[in-house]
Amino acid sequence: EAMIQARTDARKAKDFAEADRIRDELAEKGIILD
């Protein structure tokens, strides 16, 4: 949940590279975001 919040904050700040990095990191750990 903390990583999802960090990704949400990055998207609001238009830091899409960081948002994508968090999503990819979670995906590597077997967590899919919807």
PDB file of all heavy atoms in Angstrom:
ATOM      1  N   GLU A   1       0.832  -1.208   0.000  1.00  0.00           N
ATOM      2  CA  GLU A   1       0.000   0.000   0.000  1.00  0.00           C
ATOM      3  C   GLU A   1       0.869   1.260   0.000  1.00  0.00           C
ATOM      4  O   GLU A   1       0.538   2.259  -0.664  1.00  0.00           O
ATOM      5  CB  GLU A   1      -0.925  -0.009   1.228  1.00  0.00           C
ATOM      6  CG  GLU A   1      -1.987  -1.104   1.218  1.00  0.00           C
ATOM      7  CD  GLU A   1      -3.037  -0.895   0.137  1.00  0.00           C
ATOM      8  OE1 GLU A   1      -3.074   0.193  -0.476  1.00  0.00           O
ATOM      9  OE2 GLU A   1      -3.824  -1.832  -0.098  1.00  0.00           O
ATOM     10  N   ALA A   2       1.985   1.223   0.726  1.00  0.00           N
ATOM     11  CA  ALA A   2       2.888   2.380   0.758  1.00  0.00           C
ATOM     12  C   ALA A   2       3.486   2.632  -0.626  1.00  0.00           C
ATOM     13  O   ALA A   2       3.627   3.789  -1.064  1.00  0.00           O
ATOM     14  CB  ALA A   2       3.994   2.156   1.782  1.00  0.00           C
ATOM     15  N   MET A   3       3.855   1.561  -1.326  1.00  0.00           N
ATOM     16  CA  MET A   3       4.409   1.709  -2.671  1.00  0.00           C
ATOM     17  C   MET A   3       3.360   2.205  -3.658  1.00  0.00           C
ATOM     18  O   MET A   3       3.657   3.006  -4.550  1.00  0.00           O
ATOM     19  CB  MET A   3       4.989   0.371  -3.132  1.00  0.00           C
ATOM     20  CG  MET A   3       6.226  -0.060  -2.342  1.00  0.00           C
ATOM     21  SD  MET A   3       6.882  -1.669  -2.835  1.00  0.00           S
ATOM     22  CE  MET A   3       7.599  -1.239  -4.438  1.00  0.00           C
ATOM     23  N   ILE A   4       2.123   1.750  -3.468  1.00  0.00           N
ATOM     24  CA  ILE A   4       1.040   2.239  -4.330  1.00  0.00           C
ATOM     25  C   ILE A   4       0.816   3.734  -4.107  1.00  0.00           C
ATOM     26  O   ILE A   4       0.620   4.508  -5.066  1.00  0.00           O
ATOM     27  CB  ILE A   4      -0.259   1.446  -4.069  1.00  0.00           C
ATOM     28  CG1 ILE A   4      -0.113   0.009  -4.579  1.00  0.00           C
ATOM     29  CG2 ILE A   4      -1.462   2.132  -4.724  1.00  0.00           C
ATOM     30  CD1 ILE A   4      -1.283  -0.890  -4.242  1.00  0.00           C
ATOM     31  N   GLN A   5       0.864   4.163  -2.837  1.00  0.00           N
ATOM     32  CA  GLN A   5       0.715   5.583  -2.538  1.00  0.00           C
ATOM     33  C   GLN A   5       1.854   6.390  -3.146  1.00  0.00           C
ATOM     34  O   GLN A   5       1.646   7.479  -3.706  1.00  0.00           O
ATOM     35  CB  GLN A   5       0.673   5.801  -1.027  1.00  0.00           C
ATOM     36  CG  GLN A   5       0.388   7.250  -0.611  1.00  0.00           C
ATOM     37  CD  GLN A   5      -0.929   7.771  -1.155  1.00  0.00           C
ATOM     38  OE1 GLN A   5      -1.968   7.152  -0.980  1.00  0.00           O
ATOM     39  NE2 GLN A   5      -0.891   8.909  -1.862  1.00  0.00           N
ATOM     40  N   ALA A   6       3.084   5.865  -3.055  1.00  0.00           N
ATOM     41  CA  ALA A   6       4.237   6.554  -3.651  1.00  0.00           C
ATOM     42  C   ALA A   6       4.070   6.659  -5.153  1.00  0.00           C
ATOM     43  O   ALA A   6       4.416   7.685  -5.762  1.00  0.00           O
ATOM     44  CB  ALA A   6       5.518   5.795  -3.311  1.00  0.00           C
ATOM     45  N   ARG A   7       3.531   5.626  -5.778  1.00  0.00           N
ATOM     46  CA  ARG A   7       3.292   5.670  -7.218  1.00  0.00           C
ATOM     47  C   ARG A   7       2.220   6.697  -7.552  1.00  0.00           C
ATOM     48  O   ARG A   7       2.336   7.451  -8.533  1.00  0.00           O
ATOM     49  CB  ARG A   7       2.864   4.280  -7.702  1.00  0.00           C
ATOM     50  CG  ARG A   7       2.468   4.226  -9.175  1.00  0.00           C
ATOM     51  CD  ARG A   7       2.198   2.788  -9.587  1.00  0.00           C
ATOM     52  NE  ARG A   7       1.709   2.717 -10.951  1.00  0.00           N
ATOM     53  CZ  ARG A   7       0.420   2.696 -11.295  1.00  0.00           C
ATOM     54  NH1 ARG A   7      -0.526   2.747 -10.348  1.00  0.00           N
ATOM     55  NH2 ARG A   7       0.058   2.638 -12.569  1.00  0.00           N
ATOM     56  N   THR A   8       1.162   6.753  -6.725  1.00  0.00           N
ATOM     57  CA  THR A   8       0.103   7.739  -6.950  1.00  0.00           C
ATOM     58  C   THR A   8       0.655   9.163  -6.851  1.00  0.00           C
ATOM     59  O   THR A   8       0.331  10.029  -7.684  1.00  0.00           O
ATOM     60  CB  THR A   8      -1.027   7.533  -5.923  1.00  0.00           C
ATOM     61  OG1 THR A   8      -1.568   6.206  -6.061  1.00  0.00           O
ATOM     62  CG2 THR A   8      -2.140   8.546  -6.114  1.00  0.00           C
ATOM     63  N   ASP A   9       1.501   9.378  -5.832  1.00  0.00           N
ATOM     64  CA  ASP A   9       2.118  10.701  -5.671  1.00  0.00           C
ATOM     65  C   ASP A   9       2.993  11.047  -6.868  1.00  0.00           C
ATOM     66  O   ASP A   9       2.999  12.202  -7.342  1.00  0.00           O
ATOM     67  CB  ASP A   9       2.965  10.741  -4.388  1.00  0.00           C
ATOM     68  CG  ASP A   9       2.103  10.602  -3.128  1.00  0.00           C
ATOM     69  OD1 ASP A   9       0.881  10.849  -3.226  1.00  0.00           O
ATOM     70  OD2 ASP A   9       2.649  10.243  -2.075  1.00  0.00           O
ATOM     71  N   ALA A  10       3.735  10.060  -7.388  1.00  0.00           N
ATOM     72  CA  ALA A  10       4.603  10.299  -8.548  1.00  0.00           C
ATOM     73  C   ALA A  10       3.777  10.646  -9.783  1.00  0.00           C
ATOM     74  O   ALA A  10       4.154  11.531 -10.566  1.00  0.00           O
ATOM     75  CB  ALA A  10       5.460   9.067  -8.807  1.00  0.00           C
ATOM     76  N   ARG A  11       2.667  10.007  -9.937  1.00  0.00           N
ATOM     77  CA  ARG A  11       1.810  10.290 -11.097  1.00  0.00           C
ATOM     78  C   ARG A  11       1.221  11.691 -10.997  1.00  0.00           C
ATOM     79  O   ARG A  11       1.122  12.414 -12.004  1.00  0.00           O
ATOM     80  CB  ARG A  11       0.701   9.243 -11.197  1.00  0.00           C
ATOM     81  CG  ARG A  11       1.224   7.845 -11.518  1.00  0.00           C
ATOM     82  CD  ARG A  11       0.131   6.810 -11.477  1.00  0.00           C
ATOM     83  NE  ARG A  11      -0.773   6.887 -12.621  1.00  0.00           N
ATOM     84  CZ  ARG A  11      -1.873   6.174 -12.757  1.00  0.00           C
ATOM     85  NH1 ARG A  11      -2.213   5.333 -11.786  1.00  0.00           N
ATOM     86  NH2 ARG A  11      -2.623   6.289 -13.822  1.00  0.00           N
ATOM     87  N   LYS A  12       0.832  12.083  -9.768  1.00  0.00           N
ATOM     88  CA  LYS A  12       0.290  13.440  -9.597  1.00  0.00           C
ATOM     89  C   LYS A  12       1.352  14.483  -9.910  1.00  0.00           C
ATOM     90  O   LYS A  12       1.039  15.579 -10.427  1.00  0.00           O
ATOM     91  CB  LYS A  12      -0.217  13.620  -8.160  1.00  0.00           C
ATOM     92  CG  LYS A  12      -1.516  12.866  -7.868  1.00  0.00           C
ATOM     93  CD  LYS A  12      -1.959  13.087  -6.428  1.00  0.00           C
ATOM     94  CE  LYS A  12      -3.263  12.348  -6.131  1.00  0.00           C
ATOM     95  NZ  LYS A  12      -3.678  12.513  -4.712  1.00  0.00           N
ATOM     96  N   ALA A  13       2.610  14.145  -9.579  1.00  0.00           N
ATOM     97  CA  ALA A  13       3.717  15.076  -9.857  1.00  0.00           C
ATOM     98  C   ALA A  13       4.211  14.938 -11.293  1.00  0.00           C
ATOM     99  O   ALA A  13       5.221  15.557 -11.661  1.00  0.00           O
ATOM    100  CB  ALA A  13       4.856  14.807  -8.879  1.00  0.00           C
ATOM    101  N   LYS A  14       3.526  14.121 -12.089  1.00  0.00           N
ATOM    102  CA  LYS A  14       3.882  13.853 -13.480  1.00  0.00           C
ATOM    103  C   LYS A  14       5.270  13.225 -13.624  1.00  0.00           C
ATOM    104  O   LYS A  14       5.937  13.369 -14.652  1.00  0.00           O
ATOM    105  CB  LYS A  14       3.780  15.142 -14.322  1.00  0.00           C
ATOM    106  CG  LYS A  14       2.370  15.750 -14.322  1.00  0.00           C
ATOM    107  CD  LYS A  14       2.236  16.842 -15.363  1.00  0.00           C
ATOM    108  CE  LYS A  14       0.869  17.504 -15.326  1.00  0.00           C
ATOM    109  NZ  LYS A  14      -0.251  16.531 -15.508  1.00  0.00           N
ATOM    110  N   ASP A  15       5.707  12.536 -12.581  1.00  0.00           N
ATOM    111  CA  ASP A  15       6.963  11.793 -12.646  1.00  0.00           C
ATOM    112  C   ASP A  15       6.627  10.362 -13.058  1.00  0.00           C
ATOM    113  O   ASP A  15       6.669   9.422 -12.267  1.00  0.00           O
ATOM    114  CB  ASP A  15       7.655  11.814 -11.272  1.00  0.00           C
ATOM    115  CG  ASP A  15       9.055  11.218 -11.325  1.00  0.00           C
ATOM    116  OD1 ASP A  15       9.416  10.658 -12.384  1.00  0.00           O
ATOM    117  OD2 ASP A  15       9.771  11.292 -10.304  1.00  0.00           O
ATOM    118  N   PHE A  16       6.305  10.205 -14.330  1.00  0.00           N
ATOM    119  CA  PHE A  16       5.805   8.919 -14.814  1.00  0.00           C
ATOM    120  C   PHE A  16       6.886   7.843 -14.839  1.00  0.00           C
ATOM    121  O   PHE A  16       6.590   6.657 -14.736  1.00  0.00           O
ATOM    122  CB  PHE A  16       5.184   9.090 -16.202  1.00  0.00           C
ATOM    123  CG  PHE A  16       4.006  10.034 -16.195  1.00  0.00           C
ATOM    124  CD1 PHE A  16       4.068  11.256 -16.849  1.00  0.00           C
ATOM    125  CD2 PHE A  16       2.840   9.716 -15.506  1.00  0.00           C
ATOM    126  CE1 PHE A  16       2.997  12.133 -16.834  1.00  0.00           C
ATOM    127  CE2 PHE A  16       1.752  10.583 -15.484  1.00  0.00           C
ATOM    128  CZ  PHE A  16       1.838  11.800 -16.154  1.00  0.00           C
ATOM    129  N   ALA A  17       8.133   8.262 -14.982  1.00  0.00           N
ATOM    130  CA  ALA A  17       9.223   7.284 -14.953  1.00  0.00           C
ATOM    131  C   ALA A  17       9.282   6.598 -13.587  1.00  0.00           C
ATOM    132  O   ALA A  17       9.455   5.375 -13.492  1.00  0.00           O
ATOM    133  CB  ALA A  17      10.557   7.966 -15.265  1.00  0.00           C
ATOM    134  N   GLU A  18       9.133   7.374 -12.497  1.00  0.00           N
ATOM    135  CA  GLU A  18       9.146   6.810 -11.162  1.00  0.00           C
ATOM    136  C   GLU A  18       7.905   5.944 -10.932  1.00  0.00           C
ATOM    137  O   GLU A  18       7.992   4.864 -10.313  1.00  0.00           O
ATOM    138  CB  GLU A  18       9.196   7.921 -10.113  1.00  0.00           C
ATOM    139  CG  GLU A  18       9.075   7.473  -8.663  1.00  0.00           C
ATOM    140  CD  GLU A  18      10.212   6.573  -8.207  1.00  0.00           C
ATOM    141  OE1 GLU A  18      11.194   6.391  -8.961  1.00  0.00           O
ATOM    142  OE2 GLU A  18      10.111   6.038  -7.090  1.00  0.00           O
ATOM    143  N   ALA A  19       6.767   6.399 -11.437  1.00  0.00           N
ATOM    144  CA  ALA A  19       5.534   5.621 -11.290  1.00  0.00           C
ATOM    145  C   ALA A  19       5.667   4.265 -11.982  1.00  0.00           C
ATOM    146  O   ALA A  19       5.272   3.228 -11.431  1.00  0.00           O
ATOM    147  CB  ALA A  19       4.346   6.394 -11.864  1.00  0.00           C
ATOM    148  N   ASP A  20       6.264   4.291 -13.182  1.00  0.00           N
ATOM    149  CA  ASP A  20       6.458   3.037 -13.915  1.00  0.00           C
ATOM    150  C   ASP A  20       7.457   2.131 -13.199  1.00  0.00           C
ATOM    151  O   ASP A  20       7.310   0.904 -13.182  1.00  0.00           O
ATOM    152  CB  ASP A  20       6.940   3.317 -15.340  1.00  0.00           C
ATOM    153  CG  ASP A  20       5.854   3.944 -16.210  1.00  0.00           C
ATOM    154  OD1 ASP A  20       4.670   3.879 -15.813  1.00  0.00           O
ATOM    155  OD2 ASP A  20       6.190   4.494 -17.262  1.00  0.00           O
ATOM    156  N   ARG A  21       8.485   2.743 -12.598  1.00  0.00           N
ATOM    157  CA  ARG A  21       9.492   1.954 -11.894  1.00  0.00           C
ATOM    158  C   ARG A  21       8.862   1.207 -10.710  1.00  0.00           C
ATOM    159  O   ARG A  21       9.145   0.030 -10.484  1.00  0.00           O
ATOM    160  CB  ARG A  21      10.615   2.865 -11.389  1.00  0.00           C
ATOM    161  CG  ARG A  21      11.779   2.101 -10.731  1.00  0.00           C
ATOM    162  CD  ARG A  21      12.640   3.008  -9.890  1.00  0.00           C
ATOM    163  NE  ARG A  21      11.939   3.525  -8.715  1.00  0.00           N
ATOM    164  CZ  ARG A  21      11.680   2.799  -7.632  1.00  0.00           C
ATOM    165  NH1 ARG A  21      12.048   1.532  -7.557  1.00  0.00           N
ATOM    166  NH2 ARG A  21      11.035   3.343  -6.614  1.00  0.00           N
ATOM    167  N   ILE A  22       7.993   1.904  -9.977  1.00  0.00           N
ATOM    168  CA  ILE A  22       7.333   1.274  -8.822  1.00  0.00           C
ATOM    169  C   ILE A  22       6.425   0.142  -9.290  1.00  0.00           C
ATOM    170  O   ILE A  22       6.410  -0.937  -8.694  1.00  0.00           O
ATOM    171  CB  ILE A  22       6.536   2.323  -8.024  1.00  0.00           C
ATOM    172  CG1 ILE A  22       7.495   3.345  -7.392  1.00  0.00           C
ATOM    173  CG2 ILE A  22       5.668   1.655  -6.960  1.00  0.00           C
ATOM    174  CD1 ILE A  22       6.801   4.511  -6.737  1.00  0.00           C
ATOM    175  N   ARG A  23       5.683   0.394 -10.376  1.00  0.00           N
ATOM    176  CA  ARG A  23       4.791  -0.646 -10.897  1.00  0.00           C
ATOM    177  C   ARG A  23       5.602  -1.874 -11.322  1.00  0.00           C
ATOM    178  O   ARG A  23       5.220  -3.012 -11.028  1.00  0.00           O
ATOM    179  CB  ARG A  23       4.005  -0.095 -12.085  1.00  0.00           C
ATOM    180  CG  ARG A  23       2.958  -1.070 -12.622  1.00  0.00           C
ATOM    181  CD  ARG A  23       2.266  -0.550 -13.860  1.00  0.00           C
ATOM    182  NE  ARG A  23       1.111  -1.388 -14.145  1.00  0.00           N
ATOM    183  CZ  ARG A  23      -0.143  -1.049 -13.926  1.00  0.00           C
ATOM    184  NH1 ARG A  23      -0.431   0.125 -13.413  1.00  0.00           N
ATOM    185  NH2 ARG A  23      -1.129  -1.874 -14.228  1.00  0.00           N
ATOM    186  N   ASP A  24       6.727  -1.646 -12.013  1.00  0.00           N
ATOM    187  CA  ASP A  24       7.562  -2.758 -12.475  1.00  0.00           C
ATOM    188  C   ASP A  24       8.162  -3.520 -11.298  1.00  0.00           C
ATOM    189  O   ASP A  24       8.272  -4.754 -11.333  1.00  0.00           O
ATOM    190  CB  ASP A  24       8.675  -2.243 -13.389  1.00  0.00           C
ATOM    191  CG  ASP A  24       8.133  -1.713 -14.712  1.00  0.00           C
ATOM    192  OD1 ASP A  24       6.969  -2.025 -15.042  1.00  0.00           O
ATOM    193  OD2 ASP A  24       8.856  -0.972 -15.404  1.00  0.00           O
ATOM    194  N   GLU A  25       8.572  -2.785 -10.246  1.00  0.00           N
ATOM    195  CA  GLU A  25       9.152  -3.435  -9.072  1.00  0.00           C
ATOM    196  C   GLU A  25       8.131  -4.345  -8.403  1.00  0.00           C
ATOM    197  O   GLU A  25       8.452  -5.474  -7.990  1.00  0.00           O
ATOM    198  CB  GLU A  25       9.651  -2.393  -8.075  1.00  0.00           C
ATOM    199  CG  GLU A  25      10.306  -3.007  -6.835  1.00  0.00           C
ATOM    200  CD  GLU A  25      10.773  -1.967  -5.832  1.00  0.00           C
ATOM    201  OE1 GLU A  25      10.835  -0.770  -6.190  1.00  0.00           O
ATOM    202  OE2 GLU A  25      11.061  -2.354  -4.680  1.00  0.00           O
ATOM    203  N   LEU A  26       6.909  -3.866  -8.305  1.00  0.00           N
ATOM    204  CA  LEU A  26       5.850  -4.693  -7.720  1.00  0.00           C
ATOM    205  C   LEU A  26       5.559  -5.902  -8.601  1.00  0.00           C
ATOM    206  O   LEU A  26       5.344  -7.013  -8.096  1.00  0.00           O
ATOM    207  CB  LEU A  26       4.585  -3.861  -7.520  1.00  0.00           C
ATOM    208  CG  LEU A  26       4.627  -2.852  -6.368  1.00  0.00           C
ATOM    209  CD1 LEU A  26       3.435  -1.915  -6.441  1.00  0.00           C
ATOM    210  CD2 LEU A  26       4.653  -3.577  -5.015  1.00  0.00           C
ATOM    211  N   ALA A  27       5.571  -5.693  -9.916  1.00  0.00           N
ATOM    212  CA  ALA A  27       5.302  -6.801 -10.836  1.00  0.00           C
ATOM    213  C   ALA A  27       6.363  -7.888 -10.698  1.00  0.00           C
ATOM    214  O   ALA A  27       6.061  -9.092 -10.751  1.00  0.00           O
ATOM    215  CB  ALA A  27       5.243  -6.302 -12.274  1.00  0.00           C
ATOM    216  N   GLU A  28       7.608  -7.479 -10.494  1.00  0.00           N
ATOM    217  CA  GLU A  28       8.693  -8.446 -10.312  1.00  0.00           C
ATOM    218  C   GLU A  28       8.482  -9.279  -9.049  1.00  0.00           C
ATOM    219  O   GLU A  28       8.934 -10.414  -8.965  1.00  0.00           O
ATOM    220  CB  GLU A  28      10.041  -7.721 -10.230  1.00  0.00           C
ATOM    221  CG  GLU A  28      10.506  -7.159 -11.572  1.00  0.00           C
ATOM    222  CD  GLU A  28      11.791  -6.354 -11.436  1.00  0.00           C
ATOM    223  OE1 GLU A  28      12.348  -6.303 -10.303  1.00  0.00           O
ATOM    224  OE2 GLU A  28      12.243  -5.786 -12.443  1.00  0.00           O
ATOM    225  N   LYS A  29       7.822  -8.690  -8.074  1.00  0.00           N
ATOM    226  CA  LYS A  29       7.553  -9.389  -6.820  1.00  0.00           C
ATOM    227  C   LYS A  29       6.213 -10.137  -6.862  1.00  0.00           C
ATOM    228  O   LYS A  29       5.720 -10.616  -5.847  1.00  0.00           O
ATOM    229  CB  LYS A  29       7.560  -8.391  -5.657  1.00  0.00           C
ATOM    230  CG  LYS A  29       8.925  -7.725  -5.440  1.00  0.00           C
ATOM    231  CD  LYS A  29       8.855  -6.733  -4.294  1.00  0.00           C
ATOM    232  CE  LYS A  29      10.167  -5.987  -4.125  1.00  0.00           C
ATOM    233  NZ  LYS A  29      11.269  -6.898  -3.732  1.00  0.00           N
ATOM    234  N   GLY A  30       5.597 -10.182  -8.059  1.00  0.00           N
ATOM    235  CA  GLY A  30       4.358 -10.932  -8.215  1.00  0.00           C
ATOM    236  C   GLY A  30       3.108 -10.167  -7.829  1.00  0.00           C
ATOM    237  O   GLY A  30       2.069 -10.767  -7.578  1.00  0.00           O
ATOM    238  N   ILE A  31       3.192  -8.831  -7.791  1.00  0.00           N
ATOM    239  CA  ILE A  31       2.042  -8.005  -7.426  1.00  0.00           C
ATOM    240  C   ILE A  31       1.582  -7.228  -8.650  1.00  0.00           C
ATOM    241  O   ILE A  31       2.350  -6.465  -9.243  1.00  0.00           O
ATOM    242  CB  ILE A  31       2.393  -7.022  -6.279  1.00  0.00           C
ATOM    243  CG1 ILE A  31       2.939  -7.785  -5.074  1.00  0.00           C
ATOM    244  CG2 ILE A  31       1.169  -6.192  -5.896  1.00  0.00           C
ATOM    245  CD1 ILE A  31       2.002  -8.822  -4.503  1.00  0.00           C
ATOM    246  N   ILE A  32       0.335  -7.413  -9.029  1.00  0.00           N
ATOM    247  CA  ILE A  32      -0.245  -6.745 -10.191  1.00  0.00           C
ATOM    248  C   ILE A  32      -1.139  -5.602  -9.728  1.00  0.00           C
ATOM    249  O   ILE A  32      -1.954  -5.769  -8.809  1.00  0.00           O
ATOM    250  CB  ILE A  32      -1.075  -7.729 -11.038  1.00  0.00           C
ATOM    251  CG1 ILE A  32      -0.228  -8.956 -11.414  1.00  0.00           C
ATOM    252  CG2 ILE A  32      -1.626  -7.043 -12.274  1.00  0.00           C
ATOM    253  CD1 ILE A  32       1.019  -8.637 -12.202  1.00  0.00           C
ATOM    254  N   LEU A  33      -0.987  -4.444 -10.355  1.00  0.00           N
ATOM    255  CA  LEU A  33      -1.816  -3.271 -10.020  1.00  0.00           C
ATOM    256  C   LEU A  33      -2.931  -3.121 -11.044  1.00  0.00           C
ATOM    257  O   LEU A  33      -2.724  -3.309 -12.242  1.00  0.00           O
ATOM    258  CB  LEU A  33      -0.958  -2.007  -9.990  1.00  0.00           C
ATOM    259  CG  LEU A  33       0.230  -1.995  -9.023  1.00  0.00           C
ATOM    260  CD1 LEU A  33       0.913  -0.629  -9.047  1.00  0.00           C
ATOM    261  CD2 LEU A  33      -0.208  -2.349  -7.611  1.00  0.00           C
ATOM    262  N   ASP A  34      -4.101  -2.764 -10.544  1.00  0.00           N
ATOM    263  CA  ASP A  34      -5.261  -2.514 -11.403  1.00  0.00           C
ATOM    264  C   ASP A  34      -5.757  -1.097 -11.130  1.00  0.00           C
ATOM    265  O   ASP A  34      -6.193  -0.784 -10.018  1.00  0.00           O
ATOM    266  CB  ASP A  34      -6.385  -3.518 -11.114  1.00  0.00           C
ATOM    267  CG  ASP A  34      -5.981  -4.946 -11.463  1.00  0.00           C
ATOM    268  OD1 ASP A  34      -5.470  -5.155 -12.570  1.00  0.00           O
ATOM    269  OD2 ASP A  34      -6.171  -5.837 -10.615  1.00  0.00           O
TER     270      ASP A  34
END
